[in-house]
Amino acid sequence: TILYSVSIQASHNAGGEIHYEYISSSGGTHKYKITLRLYRDNTGILLPSSTNITACSASYGSVNASLNEVGSTGGIGIATPSYFDCVSSSNAGLAINVVTYDGEITLPGNAPDWTFTFQTCCRNPAVTNIINPSSQGFLIEAHLNNMYGQNNSPIFITEGVRAFCIGNTFNWQHSTIEPDGDSLFYRMSNIKDGSCSSVINIPFVAGKSYNQPITT
């Protein structure tokens, strides 16, 4: 992803998601609306009012697009105390700011391996399961195969902020809507950095791994 024409720096990034929505086609090209949502610890450097996203494919190379901020929410657990089942919002010790961006990107053709990516630096130093989190880059991505028709990505309808309390069983329903009615499955992912065409996996600290990212 760091194929952007504009470089941004933030800190204390905690998570994010990318959604894409098909708009129209013309002359073999395809226009999509991109929505980027970023989660960051309020104690870090503020995110900018605009940013960039990259789409890449082995068949077409990279395409960049600019996104503008359309909404920002600050507060504890997205200012919703009910997100915390075992602590109150006033003493949760974590203030999460959510910033949403959107914009349009035009893909030059169909490919089985389109990847939309966003990359910046740096991660929240409070993270404990990766090496040197405050020095690690932050990359998120979404994938599209439009060889057999244009498509829309699933949309998360639950915010990605939760408090898990030690010793308590917790069941998190990370719900989504699938606009096209496609089947869905979930899997864990490696923690990523790099660029749209060269993604790397950030190493875990000793005792943690892809299959065991947290203590249970």
N, C-alpha and C. Protein backbone atom coordinates (compact mmCIF):
# COMPACT_ATOMS: atom_id res chain seq x y z
N THR A 1 0.76 -1.21 0.00
CA THR A 1 0.00 0.00 0.00
C THR A 1 0.79 1.26 0.00
N ILE A 2 2.01 1.28 0.38
CA ILE A 2 2.59 2.60 0.51
C ILE A 2 3.01 3.08 -0.86
N LEU A 3 2.14 2.84 -1.82
CA LEU A 3 2.31 3.35 -3.17
C LEU A 3 1.49 4.63 -3.32
N TYR A 4 1.17 5.28 -2.21
CA TYR A 4 0.34 6.47 -2.24
C TYR A 4 1.10 7.67 -2.75
N SER A 5 0.38 8.60 -3.35
CA SER A 5 0.99 9.86 -3.77
C SER A 5 1.16 10.80 -2.59
N VAL A 6 0.43 10.57 -1.51
CA VAL A 6 0.54 11.37 -0.30
C VAL A 6 0.85 10.44 0.86
N SER A 7 1.82 10.77 1.66
CA SER A 7 2.20 9.95 2.80
C SER A 7 1.59 10.55 4.06
N ILE A 8 0.98 9.70 4.89
CA ILE A 8 0.43 10.19 6.15
C ILE A 8 1.07 9.42 7.30
N GLN A 9 1.11 10.04 8.45
CA GLN A 9 1.62 9.39 9.65
C GLN A 9 0.60 9.57 10.75
N ALA A 10 0.33 8.50 11.44
CA ALA A 10 -0.52 8.55 12.63
C ALA A 10 0.15 7.66 13.66
N SER A 11 -0.47 7.48 14.78
CA SER A 11 0.07 6.56 15.77
C SER A 11 -1.08 5.94 16.53
N HIS A 12 -0.76 4.88 17.27
CA HIS A 12 -1.75 4.24 18.12
C HIS A 12 -2.89 3.63 17.31
N ASN A 13 -2.63 3.19 16.07
CA ASN A 13 -3.66 2.52 15.29
C ASN A 13 -4.01 1.18 15.92
N ALA A 14 -5.30 0.93 16.06
CA ALA A 14 -5.76 -0.27 16.75
C ALA A 14 -6.49 -1.24 15.82
N GLY A 15 -6.99 -0.79 14.70
CA GLY A 15 -7.72 -1.68 13.80
C GLY A 15 -8.35 -0.90 12.66
N GLY A 16 -8.96 -1.63 11.74
CA GLY A 16 -9.61 -0.97 10.62
C GLY A 16 -10.32 -1.95 9.72
N GLU A 17 -11.08 -1.43 8.78
CA GLU A 17 -11.82 -2.27 7.83
C GLU A 17 -12.02 -1.49 6.53
N ILE A 18 -12.09 -2.24 5.43
CA ILE A 18 -12.32 -1.67 4.10
C ILE A 18 -13.54 -2.32 3.50
N HIS A 19 -14.48 -1.51 3.01
CA HIS A 19 -15.64 -2.01 2.27
C HIS A 19 -15.61 -1.44 0.86
N TYR A 20 -16.06 -2.22 -0.12
CA TYR A 20 -16.19 -1.69 -1.47
C TYR A 20 -17.60 -1.97 -2.01
N GLU A 21 -18.09 -1.03 -2.82
CA GLU A 21 -19.44 -1.10 -3.38
C GLU A 21 -19.38 -0.77 -4.87
N TYR A 22 -19.86 -1.67 -5.70
CA TYR A 22 -19.84 -1.45 -7.15
C TYR A 22 -20.79 -0.32 -7.53
N ILE A 23 -20.32 0.58 -8.41
CA ILE A 23 -21.13 1.70 -8.87
C ILE A 23 -21.55 1.54 -10.32
N SER A 24 -20.57 1.43 -11.23
CA SER A 24 -20.91 1.39 -12.65
C SER A 24 -19.70 0.92 -13.46
N SER A 25 -19.95 0.60 -14.76
CA SER A 25 -18.89 0.22 -15.69
C SER A 25 -19.00 1.05 -16.96
N SER A 26 -17.82 1.28 -17.57
CA SER A 26 -17.80 2.05 -18.81
C SER A 26 -16.52 1.73 -19.57
N GLY A 27 -16.67 1.28 -20.82
CA GLY A 27 -15.51 1.03 -21.66
C GLY A 27 -14.54 0.02 -21.09
N GLY A 28 -15.04 -0.96 -20.36
CA GLY A 28 -14.18 -1.98 -19.78
C GLY A 28 -13.61 -1.63 -18.43
N THR A 29 -13.85 -0.40 -17.94
CA THR A 29 -13.40 -0.02 -16.60
C THR A 29 -14.57 -0.11 -15.63
N HIS A 30 -14.25 -0.17 -14.34
CA HIS A 30 -15.29 -0.39 -13.32
C HIS A 30 -15.06 0.54 -12.14
N LYS A 31 -16.10 1.29 -11.79
CA LYS A 31 -16.01 2.26 -10.70
C LYS A 31 -16.59 1.66 -9.42
N TYR A 32 -15.84 1.83 -8.33
CA TYR A 32 -16.27 1.34 -7.01
C TYR A 32 -16.20 2.45 -5.98
N LYS A 33 -17.14 2.45 -5.05
CA LYS A 33 -17.05 3.30 -3.87
C LYS A 33 -16.30 2.54 -2.79
N ILE A 34 -15.31 3.19 -2.19
CA ILE A 34 -14.52 2.58 -1.13
C ILE A 34 -14.82 3.30 0.18
N THR A 35 -15.09 2.53 1.23
CA THR A 35 -15.26 3.07 2.57
C THR A 35 -14.18 2.48 3.47
N LEU A 36 -13.43 3.34 4.11
CA LEU A 36 -12.36 2.95 5.02
C LEU A 36 -12.72 3.42 6.42
N ARG A 37 -12.67 2.51 7.37
CA ARG A 37 -12.95 2.87 8.77
C ARG A 37 -11.73 2.49 9.61
N LEU A 38 -11.21 3.47 10.35
CA LEU A 38 -10.02 3.26 11.16
C LEU A 38 -10.34 3.45 12.64
N TYR A 39 -9.74 2.62 13.47
CA TYR A 39 -9.87 2.68 14.92
C TYR A 39 -8.51 3.03 15.51
N ARG A 40 -8.48 4.03 16.39
CA ARG A 40 -7.21 4.42 16.99
C ARG A 40 -7.42 4.84 18.44
N ASP A 41 -6.38 4.61 19.23
CA ASP A 41 -6.37 5.06 20.62
C ASP A 41 -6.31 6.59 20.62
N ASN A 42 -7.18 7.22 21.38
CA ASN A 42 -7.27 8.68 21.40
C ASN A 42 -5.98 9.37 21.86
N THR A 43 -5.09 8.63 22.51
CA THR A 43 -3.87 9.27 23.02
C THR A 43 -2.83 9.48 21.94
N GLY A 44 -3.04 8.93 20.74
CA GLY A 44 -2.06 9.04 19.67
C GLY A 44 -2.25 10.26 18.80
N ILE A 45 -1.40 10.36 17.76
CA ILE A 45 -1.48 11.46 16.80
C ILE A 45 -2.77 11.34 16.01
N LEU A 46 -3.47 12.46 15.81
CA LEU A 46 -4.74 12.46 15.11
C LEU A 46 -4.57 12.04 13.65
N LEU A 47 -5.58 11.39 13.12
CA LEU A 47 -5.60 11.03 11.70
C LEU A 47 -5.94 12.26 10.86
N PRO A 48 -5.50 12.30 9.60
CA PRO A 48 -5.77 13.46 8.75
C PRO A 48 -7.19 13.46 8.22
N SER A 49 -7.61 14.55 7.60
CA SER A 49 -8.97 14.67 7.06
C SER A 49 -9.13 13.97 5.72
N SER A 50 -8.03 13.56 5.09
CA SER A 50 -8.09 12.79 3.85
C SER A 50 -6.92 11.82 3.82
N THR A 51 -7.07 10.76 3.05
CA THR A 51 -6.01 9.77 2.94
C THR A 51 -6.12 9.08 1.59
N ASN A 52 -5.29 8.08 1.37
CA ASN A 52 -5.27 7.40 0.09
C ASN A 52 -5.43 5.90 0.26
N ILE A 53 -5.88 5.26 -0.79
CA ILE A 53 -6.00 3.81 -0.81
C ILE A 53 -5.46 3.32 -2.15
N THR A 54 -4.96 2.09 -2.18
CA THR A 54 -4.39 1.52 -3.39
C THR A 54 -5.10 0.22 -3.73
N ALA A 55 -5.38 0.02 -5.02
CA ALA A 55 -5.86 -1.27 -5.53
C ALA A 55 -4.77 -1.83 -6.42
N CYS A 56 -4.45 -3.11 -6.28
CA CYS A 56 -3.42 -3.69 -7.12
C CYS A 56 -3.85 -5.06 -7.62
N SER A 57 -3.30 -5.43 -8.76
CA SER A 57 -3.53 -6.72 -9.40
C SER A 57 -2.30 -7.08 -10.22
N ALA A 58 -1.97 -8.35 -10.29
CA ALA A 58 -0.84 -8.78 -11.10
C ALA A 58 -1.06 -8.45 -12.58
N SER A 59 -2.32 -8.35 -12.99
CA SER A 59 -2.63 -8.09 -14.40
C SER A 59 -2.55 -6.62 -14.76
N TYR A 60 -2.77 -5.71 -13.80
CA TYR A 60 -2.88 -4.29 -14.11
C TYR A 60 -1.95 -3.39 -13.29
N GLY A 61 -1.23 -3.93 -12.34
CA GLY A 61 -0.40 -3.07 -11.49
C GLY A 61 -1.25 -2.39 -10.42
N SER A 62 -0.92 -1.14 -10.10
CA SER A 62 -1.56 -0.44 -8.99
C SER A 62 -2.35 0.78 -9.45
N VAL A 63 -3.45 1.04 -8.74
CA VAL A 63 -4.29 2.23 -8.97
C VAL A 63 -4.49 2.90 -7.62
N ASN A 64 -4.28 4.21 -7.55
CA ASN A 64 -4.46 4.95 -6.31
C ASN A 64 -5.72 5.80 -6.34
N ALA A 65 -6.30 6.05 -5.18
CA ALA A 65 -7.48 6.90 -5.07
C ALA A 65 -7.44 7.65 -3.75
N SER A 66 -8.01 8.85 -3.75
CA SER A 66 -8.07 9.67 -2.55
C SER A 66 -9.42 9.49 -1.85
N LEU A 67 -9.39 9.40 -0.53
CA LEU A 67 -10.60 9.28 0.29
C LEU A 67 -10.67 10.47 1.23
N ASN A 68 -11.88 10.96 1.48
CA ASN A 68 -12.09 12.08 2.39
C ASN A 68 -12.85 11.64 3.63
N GLU A 69 -12.54 12.26 4.75
CA GLU A 69 -13.21 11.92 6.00
C GLU A 69 -14.69 12.31 5.93
N VAL A 70 -15.54 11.38 6.35
CA VAL A 70 -16.98 11.63 6.36
C VAL A 70 -17.58 11.50 7.74
N GLY A 71 -16.80 11.08 8.71
CA GLY A 71 -17.35 10.97 10.05
C GLY A 71 -16.29 10.56 11.04
N SER A 72 -16.41 11.06 12.27
CA SER A 72 -15.47 10.71 13.33
C SER A 72 -16.25 10.59 14.63
N THR A 73 -16.00 9.51 15.36
CA THR A 73 -16.68 9.29 16.63
C THR A 73 -15.63 9.07 17.70
N GLY A 74 -15.69 9.83 18.77
CA GLY A 74 -14.74 9.65 19.86
C GLY A 74 -15.46 9.15 21.10
N GLY A 75 -14.77 8.36 21.91
CA GLY A 75 -15.38 7.94 23.15
C GLY A 75 -14.92 6.57 23.57
N ILE A 76 -15.47 6.11 24.66
CA ILE A 76 -15.12 4.81 25.20
C ILE A 76 -15.92 3.74 24.48
N GLY A 77 -15.23 2.83 23.81
CA GLY A 77 -15.94 1.76 23.11
C GLY A 77 -16.94 2.31 22.13
N ILE A 78 -16.56 3.27 21.33
CA ILE A 78 -17.46 3.96 20.40
C ILE A 78 -18.59 4.64 21.17
N ALA A 79 -18.25 5.12 22.35
CA ALA A 79 -19.20 5.86 23.20
C ALA A 79 -20.44 5.04 23.51
N THR A 80 -20.29 3.72 23.56
CA THR A 80 -21.43 2.85 23.85
C THR A 80 -21.06 1.94 25.02
N PRO A 81 -21.42 2.31 26.25
CA PRO A 81 -21.03 1.50 27.41
C PRO A 81 -21.47 0.04 27.33
N SER A 82 -22.57 -0.26 26.62
CA SER A 82 -23.05 -1.64 26.54
C SER A 82 -22.06 -2.56 25.83
N TYR A 83 -21.05 -1.98 25.14
CA TYR A 83 -20.04 -2.81 24.49
C TYR A 83 -19.14 -3.49 25.51
N PHE A 84 -19.20 -3.04 26.78
CA PHE A 84 -18.37 -3.60 27.82
C PHE A 84 -19.25 -4.37 28.79
N ASP A 85 -19.07 -5.69 28.82
CA ASP A 85 -19.95 -6.52 29.63
C ASP A 85 -19.48 -6.63 31.08
N CYS A 86 -18.20 -6.36 31.34
CA CYS A 86 -17.70 -6.61 32.69
C CYS A 86 -16.99 -5.40 33.30
N VAL A 87 -16.95 -4.28 32.58
CA VAL A 87 -16.42 -3.04 33.13
C VAL A 87 -17.31 -1.89 32.70
N SER A 88 -17.29 -0.82 33.46
CA SER A 88 -18.07 0.35 33.08
C SER A 88 -17.29 1.19 32.09
N SER A 89 -17.99 2.00 31.33
CA SER A 89 -17.34 2.86 30.34
C SER A 89 -16.42 3.89 30.99
N SER A 90 -16.70 4.25 32.23
CA SER A 90 -15.93 5.30 32.88
C SER A 90 -14.55 4.84 33.33
N ASN A 91 -14.38 3.52 33.56
CA ASN A 91 -13.07 3.05 34.02
C ASN A 91 -12.49 1.96 33.12
N ALA A 92 -12.94 1.93 31.86
CA ALA A 92 -12.45 0.90 30.95
C ALA A 92 -10.98 1.10 30.60
N GLY A 93 -10.50 2.35 30.67
CA GLY A 93 -9.10 2.60 30.41
C GLY A 93 -8.73 2.62 28.94
N LEU A 94 -9.70 2.70 28.07
CA LEU A 94 -9.42 2.72 26.64
C LEU A 94 -10.41 3.63 25.94
N ALA A 95 -9.91 4.67 25.29
CA ALA A 95 -10.76 5.58 24.54
C ALA A 95 -10.46 5.39 23.06
N ILE A 96 -11.44 4.93 22.32
CA ILE A 96 -11.25 4.61 20.90
C ILE A 96 -11.92 5.68 20.04
N ASN A 97 -11.17 6.22 19.10
CA ASN A 97 -11.67 7.17 18.12
C ASN A 97 -11.85 6.43 16.80
N VAL A 98 -13.03 6.56 16.19
CA VAL A 98 -13.32 5.90 14.92
C VAL A 98 -13.47 6.97 13.84
N VAL A 99 -12.66 6.86 12.78
CA VAL A 99 -12.70 7.82 11.68
C VAL A 99 -13.08 7.07 10.40
N THR A 100 -14.07 7.59 9.68
CA THR A 100 -14.55 6.96 8.45
C THR A 100 -14.22 7.85 7.25
N TYR A 101 -13.71 7.23 6.20
CA TYR A 101 -13.40 7.92 4.94
C TYR A 101 -14.14 7.23 3.80
N ASP A 102 -14.47 7.98 2.76
CA ASP A 102 -14.94 7.31 1.55
C ASP A 102 -14.51 8.08 0.31
N GLY A 103 -14.60 7.40 -0.82
CA GLY A 103 -14.21 7.96 -2.11
C GLY A 103 -14.45 6.92 -3.18
N GLU A 104 -14.05 7.25 -4.41
CA GLU A 104 -14.27 6.34 -5.54
C GLU A 104 -12.94 5.96 -6.18
N ILE A 105 -12.90 4.74 -6.71
CA ILE A 105 -11.73 4.26 -7.42
C ILE A 105 -12.19 3.58 -8.70
N THR A 106 -11.45 3.74 -9.78
CA THR A 106 -11.80 3.12 -11.06
C THR A 106 -10.78 2.04 -11.38
N LEU A 107 -11.26 0.80 -11.51
CA LEU A 107 -10.40 -0.33 -11.86
C LEU A 107 -10.33 -0.43 -13.38
N PRO A 108 -9.15 -0.64 -13.95
CA PRO A 108 -9.01 -0.64 -15.41
C PRO A 108 -9.51 -1.90 -16.10
N GLY A 109 -9.93 -2.91 -15.34
CA GLY A 109 -10.42 -4.13 -15.97
C GLY A 109 -10.76 -5.18 -14.94
N ASN A 110 -11.04 -6.39 -15.41
CA ASN A 110 -11.39 -7.51 -14.54
C ASN A 110 -10.14 -8.32 -14.20
N ALA A 111 -10.07 -8.82 -12.99
CA ALA A 111 -8.95 -9.65 -12.55
C ALA A 111 -9.41 -10.51 -11.37
N PRO A 112 -8.81 -11.67 -11.18
CA PRO A 112 -9.19 -12.52 -10.06
C PRO A 112 -8.54 -12.11 -8.74
N ASP A 113 -7.62 -11.14 -8.78
CA ASP A 113 -6.80 -10.88 -7.60
C ASP A 113 -6.71 -9.40 -7.23
N TRP A 114 -7.78 -8.64 -7.46
CA TRP A 114 -7.74 -7.25 -7.00
C TRP A 114 -7.66 -7.21 -5.47
N THR A 115 -6.76 -6.37 -4.97
CA THR A 115 -6.62 -6.18 -3.53
C THR A 115 -6.64 -4.69 -3.23
N PHE A 116 -7.57 -4.26 -2.39
CA PHE A 116 -7.64 -2.87 -1.92
C PHE A 116 -6.86 -2.81 -0.60
N THR A 117 -5.92 -1.87 -0.50
CA THR A 117 -5.11 -1.81 0.71
C THR A 117 -4.99 -0.39 1.24
N PHE A 118 -4.83 -0.31 2.56
CA PHE A 118 -4.49 0.93 3.25
C PHE A 118 -3.32 0.63 4.16
N GLN A 119 -2.30 1.52 4.16
CA GLN A 119 -1.13 1.32 5.00
C GLN A 119 -0.71 2.62 5.63
N THR A 120 -0.31 2.56 6.88
CA THR A 120 0.23 3.73 7.57
C THR A 120 1.11 3.24 8.71
N CYS A 121 1.58 4.15 9.55
CA CYS A 121 2.35 3.85 10.73
C CYS A 121 1.83 4.76 11.85
N CYS A 122 1.67 4.33 13.02
CA CYS A 122 2.20 3.10 13.59
C CYS A 122 1.12 2.47 14.46
N ARG A 123 1.42 1.33 15.05
CA ARG A 123 0.43 0.63 15.86
C ARG A 123 0.45 1.10 17.32
N ASN A 124 -0.63 0.76 18.01
CA ASN A 124 -0.79 1.13 19.41
C ASN A 124 0.30 0.47 20.26
N PRO A 125 1.10 1.24 21.01
CA PRO A 125 2.15 0.62 21.85
C PRO A 125 1.59 -0.25 22.96
N ALA A 126 0.28 -0.17 23.22
CA ALA A 126 -0.32 -1.02 24.25
C ALA A 126 -0.52 -2.46 23.79
N VAL A 127 -0.33 -2.72 22.48
CA VAL A 127 -0.45 -4.08 21.96
C VAL A 127 0.65 -4.94 22.58
N THR A 128 0.31 -6.15 23.03
CA THR A 128 1.28 -6.98 23.75
C THR A 128 1.64 -8.28 23.04
N ASN A 129 1.02 -8.58 21.90
CA ASN A 129 1.30 -9.89 21.29
C ASN A 129 2.18 -9.83 20.05
N ILE A 130 2.69 -8.63 19.67
CA ILE A 130 3.65 -8.53 18.58
C ILE A 130 4.88 -7.77 19.05
N ILE A 131 5.99 -7.94 18.33
CA ILE A 131 7.25 -7.33 18.69
C ILE A 131 7.25 -5.84 18.32
N ASN A 132 7.64 -4.99 19.27
CA ASN A 132 7.78 -3.54 19.04
C ASN A 132 6.58 -2.94 18.30
N PRO A 133 5.38 -3.01 18.87
CA PRO A 133 4.18 -2.56 18.14
C PRO A 133 4.23 -1.11 17.69
N SER A 134 4.82 -0.22 18.49
CA SER A 134 4.83 1.20 18.12
C SER A 134 5.76 1.50 16.95
N SER A 135 6.59 0.51 16.56
CA SER A 135 7.48 0.67 15.41
C SER A 135 6.99 -0.10 14.20
N GLN A 136 5.88 -0.80 14.33
CA GLN A 136 5.38 -1.64 13.24
C GLN A 136 4.38 -0.87 12.39
N GLY A 137 4.43 -1.11 11.09
CA GLY A 137 3.45 -0.52 10.19
C GLY A 137 2.08 -1.18 10.35
N PHE A 138 1.09 -0.55 9.75
CA PHE A 138 -0.31 -0.97 9.91
C PHE A 138 -0.92 -1.10 8.52
N LEU A 139 -1.28 -2.31 8.12
CA LEU A 139 -1.85 -2.55 6.80
C LEU A 139 -3.14 -3.36 6.93
N ILE A 140 -4.20 -2.91 6.23
CA ILE A 140 -5.43 -3.69 6.13
C ILE A 140 -5.78 -3.83 4.65
N GLU A 141 -6.55 -4.86 4.31
CA GLU A 141 -6.84 -5.11 2.91
C GLU A 141 -8.20 -5.77 2.74
N ALA A 142 -8.74 -5.65 1.52
CA ALA A 142 -9.96 -6.34 1.10
C ALA A 142 -9.72 -6.87 -0.30
N HIS A 143 -10.31 -8.01 -0.63
CA HIS A 143 -10.03 -8.69 -1.90
C HIS A 143 -11.28 -8.74 -2.78
N LEU A 144 -11.05 -8.70 -4.10
CA LEU A 144 -12.13 -8.73 -5.08
C LEU A 144 -11.72 -9.58 -6.28
N ASN A 145 -12.58 -10.52 -6.66
CA ASN A 145 -12.46 -11.25 -7.93
C ASN A 145 -13.65 -10.83 -8.77
N ASN A 146 -13.40 -10.01 -9.82
CA ASN A 146 -14.51 -9.57 -10.67
C ASN A 146 -14.45 -10.19 -12.06
N MET A 147 -13.83 -11.36 -12.16
CA MET A 147 -13.75 -12.05 -13.44
C MET A 147 -15.12 -12.51 -13.93
N TYR A 148 -16.02 -12.78 -13.01
CA TYR A 148 -17.33 -13.33 -13.36
C TYR A 148 -18.46 -12.36 -13.04
N GLY A 149 -18.13 -11.08 -12.98
CA GLY A 149 -19.12 -10.07 -12.67
C GLY A 149 -18.64 -9.19 -11.52
N GLN A 150 -19.18 -7.99 -11.43
CA GLN A 150 -18.80 -7.06 -10.37
C GLN A 150 -19.46 -7.48 -9.06
N ASN A 151 -18.94 -6.99 -7.95
CA ASN A 151 -19.38 -7.51 -6.66
C ASN A 151 -19.31 -6.43 -5.60
N ASN A 152 -19.92 -6.69 -4.46
CA ASN A 152 -19.87 -5.82 -3.29
C ASN A 152 -19.31 -6.61 -2.12
N SER A 153 -18.57 -5.95 -1.26
CA SER A 153 -18.01 -6.65 -0.10
C SER A 153 -19.04 -6.76 1.01
N PRO A 154 -18.89 -7.72 1.92
CA PRO A 154 -19.71 -7.73 3.14
C PRO A 154 -19.45 -6.47 3.96
N ILE A 155 -20.42 -6.10 4.78
CA ILE A 155 -20.31 -4.89 5.61
C ILE A 155 -20.48 -5.29 7.07
N PHE A 156 -19.50 -4.94 7.90
CA PHE A 156 -19.62 -5.20 9.33
C PHE A 156 -20.68 -4.28 9.93
N ILE A 157 -21.56 -4.84 10.73
CA ILE A 157 -22.60 -4.04 11.38
C ILE A 157 -22.39 -3.94 12.89
N THR A 158 -21.33 -4.55 13.39
CA THR A 158 -20.93 -4.37 14.79
C THR A 158 -19.56 -3.71 14.78
N GLU A 159 -19.38 -2.67 15.60
CA GLU A 159 -18.10 -1.97 15.66
C GLU A 159 -17.02 -2.91 16.22
N GLY A 160 -15.79 -2.72 15.73
CA GLY A 160 -14.71 -3.61 16.13
C GLY A 160 -14.04 -3.21 17.43
N VAL A 161 -14.82 -2.95 18.46
CA VAL A 161 -14.26 -2.56 19.76
C VAL A 161 -14.95 -3.36 20.84
N ARG A 162 -14.16 -4.12 21.60
CA ARG A 162 -14.71 -4.92 22.70
C ARG A 162 -13.73 -4.94 23.85
N ALA A 163 -14.25 -5.13 25.06
CA ALA A 163 -13.42 -5.39 26.23
C ALA A 163 -13.64 -6.84 26.64
N PHE A 164 -12.56 -7.58 26.77
CA PHE A 164 -12.63 -8.97 27.21
C PHE A 164 -12.03 -9.03 28.61
N CYS A 165 -12.78 -9.55 29.55
CA CYS A 165 -12.32 -9.57 30.94
C CYS A 165 -11.82 -10.95 31.33
N ILE A 166 -10.65 -10.97 32.00
CA ILE A 166 -10.00 -12.22 32.37
C ILE A 166 -10.92 -13.04 33.27
N GLY A 167 -11.04 -14.33 32.93
CA GLY A 167 -11.84 -15.24 33.74
C GLY A 167 -13.29 -15.32 33.34
N ASN A 168 -13.73 -14.49 32.39
CA ASN A 168 -15.13 -14.50 31.94
C ASN A 168 -15.22 -15.09 30.55
N THR A 169 -16.18 -15.99 30.35
CA THR A 169 -16.46 -16.50 29.01
C THR A 169 -17.11 -15.40 28.18
N PHE A 170 -16.66 -15.24 26.94
CA PHE A 170 -17.17 -14.15 26.10
C PHE A 170 -17.48 -14.69 24.71
N ASN A 171 -18.66 -14.37 24.21
CA ASN A 171 -19.08 -14.79 22.87
C ASN A 171 -19.34 -13.53 22.05
N TRP A 172 -18.50 -13.27 21.05
CA TRP A 172 -18.60 -12.06 20.24
C TRP A 172 -19.18 -12.40 18.89
N GLN A 173 -20.36 -11.88 18.60
CA GLN A 173 -20.98 -12.07 17.30
C GLN A 173 -20.57 -10.91 16.39
N HIS A 174 -19.57 -11.16 15.56
CA HIS A 174 -19.03 -10.12 14.69
C HIS A 174 -19.85 -10.11 13.40
N SER A 175 -21.01 -9.49 13.46
CA SER A 175 -22.04 -9.64 12.43
C SER A 175 -21.74 -8.82 11.18
N THR A 176 -22.19 -9.34 10.03
CA THR A 176 -22.05 -8.64 8.77
C THR A 176 -23.34 -8.73 7.96
N ILE A 177 -23.45 -7.84 6.97
CA ILE A 177 -24.49 -7.91 5.95
C ILE A 177 -23.80 -8.19 4.62
N GLU A 178 -24.33 -9.12 3.83
CA GLU A 178 -23.77 -9.43 2.51
C GLU A 178 -24.76 -8.93 1.45
N PRO A 179 -24.49 -7.78 0.82
CA PRO A 179 -25.47 -7.17 -0.10
C PRO A 179 -25.88 -8.06 -1.27
N ASP A 180 -24.98 -8.95 -1.71
CA ASP A 180 -25.26 -9.79 -2.87
C ASP A 180 -25.84 -11.15 -2.49
N GLY A 181 -25.97 -11.41 -1.18
CA GLY A 181 -26.50 -12.69 -0.74
C GLY A 181 -25.50 -13.84 -0.83
N ASP A 182 -24.21 -13.52 -0.98
CA ASP A 182 -23.19 -14.57 -1.05
C ASP A 182 -22.99 -15.22 0.31
N SER A 183 -22.48 -16.46 0.30
CA SER A 183 -22.18 -17.16 1.55
C SER A 183 -20.95 -16.51 2.20
N LEU A 184 -20.85 -16.62 3.51
CA LEU A 184 -19.79 -15.99 4.28
C LEU A 184 -19.07 -17.02 5.13
N PHE A 185 -17.77 -16.81 5.33
CA PHE A 185 -17.05 -17.55 6.35
C PHE A 185 -16.02 -16.62 6.97
N TYR A 186 -15.61 -16.93 8.18
CA TYR A 186 -14.67 -16.10 8.92
C TYR A 186 -13.40 -16.91 9.20
N ARG A 187 -12.26 -16.21 9.22
CA ARG A 187 -11.02 -16.83 9.65
C ARG A 187 -10.11 -15.76 10.26
N MET A 188 -9.19 -16.22 11.11
CA MET A 188 -8.19 -15.32 11.65
C MET A 188 -7.21 -14.96 10.53
N SER A 189 -6.55 -13.83 10.69
CA SER A 189 -5.56 -13.40 9.71
C SER A 189 -4.27 -13.03 10.41
N ASN A 190 -3.16 -13.15 9.69
CA ASN A 190 -1.90 -12.65 10.23
C ASN A 190 -1.95 -11.14 10.38
N ILE A 191 -1.11 -10.59 11.24
CA ILE A 191 -0.99 -9.15 11.43
C ILE A 191 -0.04 -8.64 10.34
N LYS A 192 -0.46 -7.63 9.57
CA LYS A 192 0.22 -7.33 8.32
C LYS A 192 0.82 -5.93 8.26
N ASP A 193 1.86 -5.85 7.43
CA ASP A 193 2.49 -4.59 7.06
C ASP A 193 2.95 -4.75 5.62
N GLY A 194 3.60 -3.73 5.09
CA GLY A 194 4.13 -3.81 3.74
C GLY A 194 3.40 -2.90 2.78
N SER A 195 3.24 -3.38 1.54
CA SER A 195 2.58 -2.60 0.51
C SER A 195 1.57 -3.47 -0.21
N CYS A 196 0.81 -2.84 -1.09
CA CYS A 196 -0.24 -3.55 -1.81
C CYS A 196 0.30 -4.78 -2.52
N SER A 197 1.48 -4.67 -3.12
CA SER A 197 2.04 -5.77 -3.89
C SER A 197 3.06 -6.60 -3.12
N SER A 198 3.34 -6.22 -1.88
CA SER A 198 4.34 -6.93 -1.08
C SER A 198 3.94 -6.90 0.39
N VAL A 199 3.01 -7.79 0.76
CA VAL A 199 2.50 -7.84 2.12
C VAL A 199 3.41 -8.74 2.96
N ILE A 200 3.74 -8.29 4.17
CA ILE A 200 4.55 -9.10 5.08
C ILE A 200 3.76 -9.35 6.36
N ASN A 201 4.09 -10.43 7.05
CA ASN A 201 3.47 -10.76 8.32
C ASN A 201 4.35 -10.29 9.47
N ILE A 202 3.78 -9.53 10.39
CA ILE A 202 4.51 -9.04 11.56
C ILE A 202 4.68 -10.19 12.54
N PRO A 203 5.91 -10.40 13.07
CA PRO A 203 6.14 -11.53 13.98
C PRO A 203 5.47 -11.33 15.34
N PHE A 204 5.01 -12.45 15.90
CA PHE A 204 4.45 -12.45 17.25
C PHE A 204 5.57 -12.52 18.27
N VAL A 205 5.27 -12.12 19.49
CA VAL A 205 6.21 -12.30 20.59
C VAL A 205 6.25 -13.79 20.96
N ALA A 206 7.25 -14.18 21.72
CA ALA A 206 7.37 -15.57 22.14
C ALA A 206 6.14 -15.99 22.93
N GLY A 207 5.62 -17.16 22.59
CA GLY A 207 4.44 -17.69 23.26
C GLY A 207 3.13 -17.37 22.57
N LYS A 208 3.15 -16.47 21.58
CA LYS A 208 1.96 -16.15 20.80
C LYS A 208 2.20 -16.56 19.35
N SER A 209 1.11 -16.81 18.62
CA SER A 209 1.25 -17.26 17.24
C SER A 209 -0.05 -17.00 16.49
N TYR A 210 -0.03 -17.29 15.18
CA TYR A 210 -1.23 -17.19 14.36
C TYR A 210 -2.38 -17.98 14.97
N ASN A 211 -2.10 -19.20 15.43
CA ASN A 211 -3.13 -20.07 16.01
C ASN A 211 -3.45 -19.75 17.46
N GLN A 212 -2.57 -19.00 18.13
CA GLN A 212 -2.77 -18.65 19.55
C GLN A 212 -2.35 -17.19 19.75
N PRO A 213 -3.14 -16.24 19.19
CA PRO A 213 -2.73 -14.82 19.26
C PRO A 213 -2.94 -14.19 20.62
N ILE A 214 -3.81 -14.77 21.45
CA ILE A 214 -4.07 -14.21 22.79
C ILE A 214 -4.05 -15.34 23.80
N THR A 215 -3.90 -14.99 25.05
CA THR A 215 -3.94 -15.97 26.13
C THR A 215 -5.38 -16.34 26.45
N THR A 216 -5.68 -17.62 26.48
CA THR A 216 -7.04 -18.08 26.79
C THR A 216 -7.00 -19.07 27.92
